[in-house]
C-alpha atoms as a PDB file:
ATOM      1  CA  MET A   1     140.474 -30.157 -97.482  1.00  0.00           C
ATOM      2  CA  LYS A   2     139.785 -30.381-101.236  1.00  0.00           C
ATOM      3  CA  PRO A   3     140.144 -33.903-102.768  1.00  0.00           C
ATOM      4  CA  MET A   4     142.847 -34.347-105.334  1.00  0.00           C
ATOM      5  CA  MET A   5     142.188 -34.515-109.076  1.00  0.00           C
ATOM      6  CA  ASN A   6     144.105 -36.566-111.685  1.00  0.00           C
ATOM      7  CA  ASP A   7     145.431 -35.560-115.189  1.00  0.00           C
ATOM      8  CA  LEU A   8     141.936 -36.805-116.704  1.00  0.00           C
ATOM      9  CA  GLY A   9     140.128 -34.250-114.500  1.00  0.00           C
ATOM     10  CA  LEU A  10     138.652 -36.874-112.201  1.00  0.00           C
ATOM     11  CA  LEU A  11     138.730 -36.656-108.534  1.00  0.00           C
ATOM     12  CA  GLY A  12     140.249 -39.588-106.490  1.00  0.00           C
ATOM     13  CA  CYS A  13     138.089 -42.475-105.389  1.00  0.00           C
ATOM     14  CA  PRO A  14     135.738 -41.601-102.634  1.00  0.00           C
ATOM     15  CA  PHE A  15     136.059 -45.062-101.009  1.00  0.00           C
ATOM     16  CA  CYS A  16     139.747 -45.966-101.260  1.00  0.00           C
ATOM     17  CA  GLY A  17     141.389 -42.700-102.027  1.00  0.00           C
ATOM     18  CA  GLN A  18     143.117 -43.988-105.119  1.00  0.00           C
ATOM     19  CA  LEU A  19     143.865 -41.277-107.573  1.00  0.00           C
ATOM     20  CA  LYS A  20     146.069 -42.548-110.432  1.00  0.00           C
ATOM     21  CA  ASP A  21     143.773 -45.766-111.201  1.00  0.00           C
ATOM     22  CA  VAL A  22     140.449 -43.725-111.625  1.00  0.00           C
ATOM     23  CA  PHE A  23     139.400 -43.626-115.256  1.00  0.00           C
ATOM     24  CA  ILE A  24     136.358 -43.172-117.479  1.00  0.00           C
ATOM     25  CA  TYR A  25     135.091 -45.639-120.012  1.00  0.00           C
ATOM     26  CA  ARG A  26     132.253 -46.417-122.350  1.00  0.00           C
ATOM     27  CA  THR A  27     130.240 -49.604-121.715  1.00  0.00           C
ATOM     28  CA  PRO A  28     130.348 -51.823-124.738  1.00  0.00           C
ATOM     29  CA  THR A  29     126.738 -53.095-124.395  1.00  0.00           C
ATOM     30  CA  TYR A  30     124.795 -49.872-123.950  1.00  0.00           C
ATOM     31  CA  GLY A  31     127.341 -47.281-125.062  1.00  0.00           C
ATOM     32  CA  ASN A  32     127.046 -45.311-121.647  1.00  0.00           C
ATOM     33  CA  TYR A  33     129.863 -43.751-119.748  1.00  0.00           C
ATOM     34  CA  ARG A  34     131.116 -44.736-116.327  1.00  0.00           C
ATOM     35  CA  VAL A  35     133.861 -43.595-114.036  1.00  0.00           C
ATOM     36  CA  ALA A  36     135.618 -46.401-112.246  1.00  0.00           C
ATOM     37  CA  CYS A  37     138.348 -46.992-109.642  1.00  0.00           C
ATOM     38  CA  GLY A  38     140.807 -49.707-110.866  1.00  0.00           C
ATOM     39  CA  ASP A  39     142.029 -50.284-107.248  1.00  0.00           C
ATOM     40  CA  CYS A  40     138.688 -50.954-105.327  1.00  0.00           C
ATOM     41  CA  GLU A  41     136.645 -51.501-108.498  1.00  0.00           C
ATOM     42  CA  VAL A  42     133.819 -49.107-107.497  1.00  0.00           C
ATOM     43  CA  GLU A  43     132.020 -47.495-110.481  1.00  0.00           C
ATOM     44  CA  SER A  44     129.758 -44.556-110.964  1.00  0.00           C
ATOM     45  CA  GLY A  45     126.300 -44.955-112.376  1.00  0.00           C
ATOM     46  CA  MET A  46     125.827 -44.993-116.110  1.00  0.00           C
ATOM     47  CA  HIS A  47     125.496 -41.762-117.926  1.00  0.00           C
ATOM     48  CA  CYS A  48     124.648 -40.755-121.562  1.00  0.00           C
ATOM     49  CA  THR A  49     127.638 -38.473-122.045  1.00  0.00           C
ATOM     50  CA  GLU A  50     131.316 -38.447-120.705  1.00  0.00           C
ATOM     51  CA  GLU A  51     130.731 -35.032-119.290  1.00  0.00           C
ATOM     52  CA  ALA A  52     127.736 -36.224-117.262  1.00  0.00           C
ATOM     53  CA  ALA A  53     129.724 -39.065-115.776  1.00  0.00           C
ATOM     54  CA  ILE A  54     132.590 -36.774-114.860  1.00  0.00           C
ATOM     55  CA  LYS A  55     130.239 -34.282-113.275  1.00  0.00           C
ATOM     56  CA  SER A  56     128.568 -36.877-111.196  1.00  0.00           C
ATOM     57  CA  TRP A  57     131.917 -38.452-110.044  1.00  0.00           C
ATOM     58  CA  ASN A  58     133.351 -35.068-109.278  1.00  0.00           C
ATOM     59  CA  THR A  59     130.444 -33.899-107.074  1.00  0.00           C
ATOM     60  CA  ARG A  60     131.194 -34.386-103.408  1.00  0.00           C
ATOM     61  CA  ASN A  61     129.037 -33.316-100.529  1.00  0.00           C
ATOM     62  CA  GLY A  62     126.985 -31.165-102.894  1.00  0.00           C
ATOM     63  CA  HIS A  63     129.931 -29.427-104.570  1.00  0.00           C
ATOM     64  CA  LEU A  64     131.103 -29.976-108.083  1.00  0.00           C
ATOM     65  CA  TYR A  65     134.843 -29.842-108.135  1.00  0.00           C
ATOM     66  CA  THR A  66     136.326 -28.653-111.510  1.00  0.00           C
ATOM     67  CA  ALA A  67     139.759 -27.948-112.788  1.00  0.00           C
ATOM     68  CA  ASP A  68     139.029 -24.230-112.280  1.00  0.00           C
ATOM     69  CA  ASP A  69     138.922 -24.946-108.570  1.00  0.00           C
ATOM     70  CA  TYR A  70     142.486 -26.119-108.702  1.00  0.00           C
ATOM     71  CA  LYS A  71     143.664 -23.356-111.019  1.00  0.00           C
ATOM     72  CA  GLN A  72     142.394 -20.724-108.632  1.00  0.00           C
ATOM     73  CA  ASP A  73     144.286 -22.468-105.712  1.00  0.00           C
ATOM     74  CA  ALA A  74     147.425 -22.279-107.774  1.00  0.00           C
ATOM     75  CA  VAL A  75     147.002 -18.695-108.508  1.00  0.00           C
ATOM     76  CA  GLU A  76     146.290 -17.887-104.856  1.00  0.00           C
ATOM     77  CA  ARG A  77     149.455 -19.716-103.823  1.00  0.00           C
ATOM     78  CA  ALA A  78     151.554 -17.865-106.432  1.00  0.00           C
ATOM     79  CA  ASN A  79     150.332 -14.615-105.044  1.00  0.00           C
ATOM     80  CA  GLY A  80     150.787 -15.512-101.438  1.00  0.00           C
ATOM     81  CA  LEU A  81     147.053 -15.585-100.667  1.00  0.00           C
END
């Protein structure tokens, strides 16, 4: 089963499963980007770009999930596949 993705293009938390409180932010001290869960307070590692932080967070079991994965599912459902 594919994990859920929120409106920001981030997968739910891999630890608590929270979806709506997952967000990306820029650290004030170093200016790096992190993805965090507001529910269980887990955070990703620091990344130089927002895109790298999202890519790291959205990679599960060696597979990078993207919005295109979900668009394809919607197309398949609409066509009865």
